[in-house]
Amino acid sequence: MKRSQTKFPLQADIFLEFLKNMWEQGWLDDYSDDHFLIKAIENRLTDFWGKQQAYLDNTVVFPVINEKNFVPCFLMNFSAKLGALYNAFGKEQIKKFVIHQLAAGKRNYQRRTVF
């Protein structure tokens, strides 16, 4: 079953609206279950390459970011940034980026080849 045929796993709010729309419109249908973004949306992201660096880079500016709230903070910021790109470049350009580039190999996704 395609992701777009399932309910968006997170509670939808204004901060996640763009991600929710991507999910519902099928932009993430071909992503691997192991993709960083999918794991984050499905609340399965427990460990990732660069985790320690992400905390070190962000806690200086955002001292409240920690292991418990990293994923929600990441998703809210990611959704907002993609929404801004969408407004700047238009639907077709951002849709192509999400479907063909951000997917990082789609169903053949392998973390070691992406990072």
N, C-alpha and C. Protein backbone atom coordinates (compact mmCIF):
# COMPACT_ATOMS: atom_id res chain seq x y z
N MET A 1 0.83 -1.18 0.00
CA MET A 1 0.00 0.00 0.00
C MET A 1 0.89 1.25 0.00
N LYS A 2 0.49 2.21 -0.77
CA LYS A 2 1.26 3.46 -0.86
C LYS A 2 1.06 4.29 0.40
N ARG A 3 2.09 5.05 0.73
CA ARG A 3 1.99 5.93 1.90
C ARG A 3 0.82 6.90 1.77
N SER A 4 0.61 7.40 0.58
CA SER A 4 -0.46 8.38 0.38
C SER A 4 -1.85 7.79 0.64
N GLN A 5 -1.94 6.47 0.71
CA GLN A 5 -3.21 5.82 0.99
C GLN A 5 -3.37 5.53 2.48
N THR A 6 -2.39 5.92 3.26
CA THR A 6 -2.46 5.74 4.70
C THR A 6 -2.52 7.11 5.38
N LYS A 7 -2.97 7.11 6.60
CA LYS A 7 -3.08 8.34 7.36
C LYS A 7 -1.68 8.87 7.70
N PHE A 8 -1.52 10.18 7.59
CA PHE A 8 -0.26 10.81 7.99
C PHE A 8 -0.01 10.47 9.46
N PRO A 9 1.16 9.89 9.77
CA PRO A 9 1.39 9.35 11.11
C PRO A 9 1.46 10.36 12.25
N LEU A 10 1.68 11.61 11.93
CA LEU A 10 1.84 12.62 12.98
C LEU A 10 0.57 13.44 13.12
N GLN A 11 0.41 14.02 14.29
CA GLN A 11 -0.71 14.93 14.47
C GLN A 11 -0.45 16.16 13.62
N ALA A 12 -1.36 16.41 12.73
CA ALA A 12 -1.18 17.53 11.81
C ALA A 12 -1.37 18.85 12.54
N ASP A 13 -0.47 19.76 12.29
CA ASP A 13 -0.60 21.12 12.78
C ASP A 13 0.04 22.03 11.75
N ILE A 14 -0.02 23.30 12.00
CA ILE A 14 0.48 24.26 11.02
C ILE A 14 1.96 24.06 10.71
N PHE A 15 2.73 23.57 11.67
CA PHE A 15 4.17 23.40 11.49
C PHE A 15 4.52 22.21 10.61
N LEU A 16 3.60 21.26 10.52
CA LEU A 16 3.86 20.05 9.72
C LEU A 16 3.00 19.98 8.47
N GLU A 17 2.29 21.04 8.16
CA GLU A 17 1.34 21.03 7.06
C GLU A 17 1.99 20.65 5.72
N PHE A 18 3.17 21.18 5.43
CA PHE A 18 3.79 20.86 4.15
C PHE A 18 4.16 19.38 4.06
N LEU A 19 4.71 18.82 5.13
CA LEU A 19 5.03 17.39 5.13
C LEU A 19 3.76 16.55 4.98
N LYS A 20 2.72 16.94 5.67
CA LYS A 20 1.45 16.22 5.56
C LYS A 20 0.94 16.25 4.12
N ASN A 21 1.01 17.40 3.48
CA ASN A 21 0.57 17.50 2.08
C ASN A 21 1.43 16.64 1.17
N MET A 22 2.75 16.63 1.39
CA MET A 22 3.64 15.77 0.59
C MET A 22 3.23 14.31 0.74
N TRP A 23 2.95 13.90 1.97
CA TRP A 23 2.54 12.52 2.26
C TRP A 23 1.24 12.19 1.52
N GLU A 24 0.25 13.06 1.67
CA GLU A 24 -1.07 12.80 1.10
C GLU A 24 -1.09 12.88 -0.43
N GLN A 25 -0.20 13.69 -0.99
CA GLN A 25 -0.16 13.83 -2.45
C GLN A 25 0.73 12.78 -3.12
N GLY A 26 1.33 11.90 -2.33
CA GLY A 26 2.10 10.79 -2.89
C GLY A 26 3.55 11.10 -3.20
N TRP A 27 4.04 12.24 -2.78
CA TRP A 27 5.42 12.60 -3.07
C TRP A 27 6.41 11.66 -2.37
N LEU A 28 5.97 11.02 -1.30
CA LEU A 28 6.86 10.14 -0.53
C LEU A 28 6.56 8.66 -0.75
N ASP A 29 5.69 8.36 -1.68
CA ASP A 29 5.26 6.97 -1.90
C ASP A 29 6.41 6.02 -2.25
N ASP A 30 7.38 6.47 -3.01
CA ASP A 30 8.46 5.59 -3.45
C ASP A 30 9.69 5.61 -2.54
N TYR A 31 9.59 6.31 -1.44
CA TYR A 31 10.72 6.36 -0.51
C TYR A 31 10.88 5.02 0.21
N SER A 32 12.11 4.68 0.50
CA SER A 32 12.40 3.48 1.27
C SER A 32 11.86 3.63 2.69
N ASP A 33 11.47 2.52 3.29
CA ASP A 33 11.06 2.54 4.69
C ASP A 33 12.21 2.94 5.60
N ASP A 34 13.44 2.79 5.11
CA ASP A 34 14.62 3.12 5.90
C ASP A 34 15.13 4.54 5.68
N HIS A 35 14.46 5.31 4.84
CA HIS A 35 14.88 6.68 4.58
C HIS A 35 14.77 7.50 5.87
N PHE A 36 15.75 8.35 6.08
CA PHE A 36 15.82 9.20 7.27
C PHE A 36 14.49 9.94 7.51
N LEU A 37 13.94 10.54 6.48
CA LEU A 37 12.73 11.32 6.61
C LEU A 37 11.52 10.45 6.97
N ILE A 38 11.40 9.31 6.34
CA ILE A 38 10.29 8.39 6.63
C ILE A 38 10.39 7.89 8.07
N LYS A 39 11.58 7.51 8.48
CA LYS A 39 11.75 7.05 9.85
C LYS A 39 11.41 8.15 10.85
N ALA A 40 11.76 9.38 10.53
CA ALA A 40 11.43 10.49 11.42
C ALA A 40 9.91 10.71 11.47
N ILE A 41 9.26 10.73 10.33
CA ILE A 41 7.81 10.93 10.29
C ILE A 41 7.08 9.82 11.02
N GLU A 42 7.57 8.59 10.89
CA GLU A 42 6.92 7.44 11.53
C GLU A 42 7.42 7.20 12.96
N ASN A 43 8.16 8.16 13.48
CA ASN A 43 8.70 8.09 14.84
C ASN A 43 9.53 6.83 15.08
N ARG A 44 10.33 6.47 14.09
CA ARG A 44 11.22 5.31 14.20
C ARG A 44 12.68 5.70 14.13
N LEU A 45 12.96 6.98 14.11
CA LEU A 45 14.34 7.45 13.99
C LEU A 45 14.97 7.48 15.38
N THR A 46 15.73 6.46 15.68
CA THR A 46 16.35 6.38 17.00
C THR A 46 17.84 6.65 16.94
N ASP A 47 18.43 6.34 15.82
CA ASP A 47 19.86 6.55 15.67
C ASP A 47 20.14 6.90 14.22
N PHE A 48 21.08 7.76 14.00
CA PHE A 48 21.43 8.14 12.65
C PHE A 48 22.86 8.64 12.61
N TRP A 49 23.45 8.52 11.44
CA TRP A 49 24.79 8.99 11.21
C TRP A 49 24.80 10.50 11.42
N GLY A 50 25.73 10.99 12.20
CA GLY A 50 25.83 12.42 12.45
C GLY A 50 24.99 12.88 13.63
N LYS A 51 24.40 11.95 14.36
CA LYS A 51 23.53 12.30 15.48
C LYS A 51 24.25 13.19 16.50
N GLN A 52 25.40 12.76 16.91
CA GLN A 52 26.15 13.53 17.91
C GLN A 52 26.50 14.93 17.37
N GLN A 53 26.89 14.99 16.11
CA GLN A 53 27.23 16.28 15.52
C GLN A 53 26.01 17.19 15.43
N ALA A 54 24.87 16.60 15.13
CA ALA A 54 23.63 17.39 15.05
C ALA A 54 23.32 18.03 16.40
N TYR A 55 23.49 17.27 17.46
CA TYR A 55 23.25 17.82 18.80
C TYR A 55 24.27 18.91 19.12
N LEU A 56 25.53 18.64 18.82
CA LEU A 56 26.56 19.63 19.12
C LEU A 56 26.34 20.92 18.33
N ASP A 57 25.97 20.79 17.06
CA ASP A 57 25.76 21.97 16.21
C ASP A 57 24.55 22.78 16.66
N ASN A 58 23.53 22.11 17.15
CA ASN A 58 22.28 22.80 17.45
C ASN A 58 22.13 23.26 18.89
N THR A 59 22.78 22.60 19.83
CA THR A 59 22.58 22.98 21.22
C THR A 59 23.20 24.32 21.57
N VAL A 60 24.15 24.78 20.78
CA VAL A 60 24.73 26.10 21.02
C VAL A 60 23.69 27.18 20.72
N VAL A 61 23.00 27.03 19.62
CA VAL A 61 22.00 28.01 19.20
C VAL A 61 20.65 27.72 19.86
N PHE A 62 20.31 26.44 19.95
CA PHE A 62 19.03 26.02 20.52
C PHE A 62 19.30 25.08 21.70
N PRO A 63 19.60 25.62 22.87
CA PRO A 63 20.01 24.76 24.00
C PRO A 63 18.94 23.78 24.46
N VAL A 64 17.71 23.96 24.00
CA VAL A 64 16.65 23.04 24.43
C VAL A 64 16.57 21.79 23.57
N ILE A 65 17.31 21.71 22.47
CA ILE A 65 17.27 20.53 21.61
C ILE A 65 18.06 19.40 22.27
N ASN A 66 17.41 18.27 22.38
CA ASN A 66 18.03 17.10 22.97
C ASN A 66 17.53 15.85 22.26
N GLU A 67 17.92 14.71 22.75
CA GLU A 67 17.55 13.46 22.08
C GLU A 67 16.04 13.23 22.03
N LYS A 68 15.32 13.72 23.02
CA LYS A 68 13.88 13.50 23.07
C LYS A 68 13.10 14.39 22.10
N ASN A 69 13.61 15.58 21.82
CA ASN A 69 12.84 16.48 20.98
C ASN A 69 13.51 16.80 19.64
N PHE A 70 14.61 16.14 19.33
CA PHE A 70 15.29 16.40 18.08
C PHE A 70 14.39 16.13 16.87
N VAL A 71 13.73 14.98 16.85
CA VAL A 71 12.93 14.61 15.68
C VAL A 71 11.78 15.59 15.45
N PRO A 72 10.97 15.92 16.47
CA PRO A 72 9.91 16.91 16.21
C PRO A 72 10.46 18.27 15.76
N CYS A 73 11.56 18.70 16.35
CA CYS A 73 12.17 19.97 15.94
C CYS A 73 12.66 19.90 14.50
N PHE A 74 13.31 18.79 14.15
CA PHE A 74 13.79 18.60 12.79
C PHE A 74 12.63 18.65 11.80
N LEU A 75 11.55 17.90 12.09
CA LEU A 75 10.43 17.82 11.17
C LEU A 75 9.73 19.17 11.00
N MET A 76 9.55 19.90 12.08
CA MET A 76 8.92 21.22 11.98
C MET A 76 9.77 22.16 11.13
N ASN A 77 11.07 22.18 11.37
CA ASN A 77 11.96 23.04 10.60
C ASN A 77 12.04 22.60 9.14
N PHE A 78 12.14 21.30 8.93
CA PHE A 78 12.23 20.77 7.57
C PHE A 78 10.97 21.12 6.77
N SER A 79 9.81 20.91 7.37
CA SER A 79 8.56 21.21 6.72
C SER A 79 8.47 22.69 6.38
N ALA A 80 8.85 23.54 7.30
CA ALA A 80 8.80 24.99 7.06
C ALA A 80 9.76 25.41 5.95
N LYS A 81 10.96 24.83 5.95
CA LYS A 81 11.94 25.19 4.91
C LYS A 81 11.49 24.72 3.53
N LEU A 82 10.96 23.51 3.44
CA LEU A 82 10.46 23.03 2.14
C LEU A 82 9.27 23.88 1.69
N GLY A 83 8.44 24.28 2.62
CA GLY A 83 7.32 25.16 2.28
C GLY A 83 7.81 26.49 1.73
N ALA A 84 8.87 27.02 2.31
CA ALA A 84 9.44 28.28 1.81
C ALA A 84 10.02 28.10 0.41
N LEU A 85 10.70 26.97 0.18
CA LEU A 85 11.23 26.68 -1.16
C LEU A 85 10.10 26.53 -2.17
N TYR A 86 9.03 25.89 -1.75
CA TYR A 86 7.85 25.74 -2.59
C TYR A 86 7.32 27.11 -3.01
N ASN A 87 7.23 28.02 -2.05
CA ASN A 87 6.75 29.37 -2.35
C ASN A 87 7.70 30.13 -3.27
N ALA A 88 8.99 29.86 -3.14
CA ALA A 88 9.99 30.56 -3.95
C ALA A 88 10.11 29.99 -5.36
N PHE A 89 10.07 28.66 -5.48
CA PHE A 89 10.34 28.01 -6.77
C PHE A 89 9.14 27.39 -7.45
N GLY A 90 8.06 27.22 -6.73
CA GLY A 90 6.85 26.65 -7.32
C GLY A 90 6.71 25.15 -7.09
N LYS A 91 5.51 24.69 -7.27
CA LYS A 91 5.16 23.30 -6.99
C LYS A 91 5.97 22.30 -7.81
N GLU A 92 6.05 22.48 -9.11
CA GLU A 92 6.70 21.47 -9.95
C GLU A 92 8.17 21.30 -9.63
N GLN A 93 8.87 22.39 -9.38
CA GLN A 93 10.31 22.30 -9.06
C GLN A 93 10.54 21.57 -7.74
N ILE A 94 9.76 21.91 -6.73
CA ILE A 94 9.94 21.28 -5.42
C ILE A 94 9.45 19.84 -5.44
N LYS A 95 8.39 19.58 -6.15
CA LYS A 95 7.90 18.21 -6.28
C LYS A 95 8.97 17.33 -6.93
N LYS A 96 9.58 17.80 -8.01
CA LYS A 96 10.66 17.05 -8.66
C LYS A 96 11.82 16.81 -7.70
N PHE A 97 12.19 17.84 -6.94
CA PHE A 97 13.28 17.71 -5.98
C PHE A 97 12.95 16.64 -4.93
N VAL A 98 11.76 16.70 -4.38
CA VAL A 98 11.36 15.74 -3.33
C VAL A 98 11.29 14.33 -3.88
N ILE A 99 10.69 14.16 -5.04
CA ILE A 99 10.47 12.83 -5.59
C ILE A 99 11.76 12.22 -6.16
N HIS A 100 12.58 13.02 -6.81
CA HIS A 100 13.72 12.45 -7.52
C HIS A 100 15.07 12.64 -6.83
N GLN A 101 15.23 13.65 -6.03
CA GLN A 101 16.54 13.89 -5.43
C GLN A 101 16.55 13.60 -3.93
N LEU A 102 15.61 14.12 -3.21
CA LEU A 102 15.57 13.92 -1.77
C LEU A 102 15.34 12.46 -1.41
N ALA A 103 14.73 11.73 -2.32
CA ALA A 103 14.43 10.31 -2.07
C ALA A 103 15.69 9.46 -1.92
N ALA A 104 16.81 9.91 -2.45
CA ALA A 104 18.11 9.24 -2.28
C ALA A 104 18.07 7.76 -2.64
N GLY A 105 17.66 7.45 -3.84
CA GLY A 105 17.68 6.06 -4.28
C GLY A 105 16.35 5.36 -4.16
N LYS A 106 15.38 6.03 -3.60
CA LYS A 106 14.02 5.51 -3.42
C LYS A 106 14.05 4.16 -2.71
N ARG A 107 13.49 3.15 -3.30
CA ARG A 107 13.39 1.85 -2.61
C ARG A 107 14.76 1.18 -2.47
N ASN A 108 15.75 1.63 -3.23
CA ASN A 108 17.11 1.08 -3.12
C ASN A 108 17.97 1.88 -2.16
N TYR A 109 17.34 2.69 -1.33
CA TYR A 109 18.05 3.55 -0.38
C TYR A 109 18.98 2.73 0.50
N GLN A 110 20.21 3.22 0.59
CA GLN A 110 21.19 2.62 1.51
C GLN A 110 21.89 3.76 2.21
N ARG A 111 21.77 3.78 3.51
CA ARG A 111 22.31 4.89 4.29
C ARG A 111 23.79 5.13 4.00
N ARG A 112 24.55 4.08 3.87
CA ARG A 112 26.00 4.25 3.71
C ARG A 112 26.35 4.89 2.37
N THR A 113 25.47 4.77 1.37
CA THR A 113 25.77 5.41 0.09
C THR A 113 25.28 6.85 0.05
N VAL A 114 24.38 7.20 0.93
CA VAL A 114 23.87 8.57 0.97
C VAL A 114 24.76 9.47 1.80
N PHE A 115 25.26 8.97 2.90
CA PHE A 115 26.07 9.79 3.80
C PHE A 115 27.52 9.43 3.69
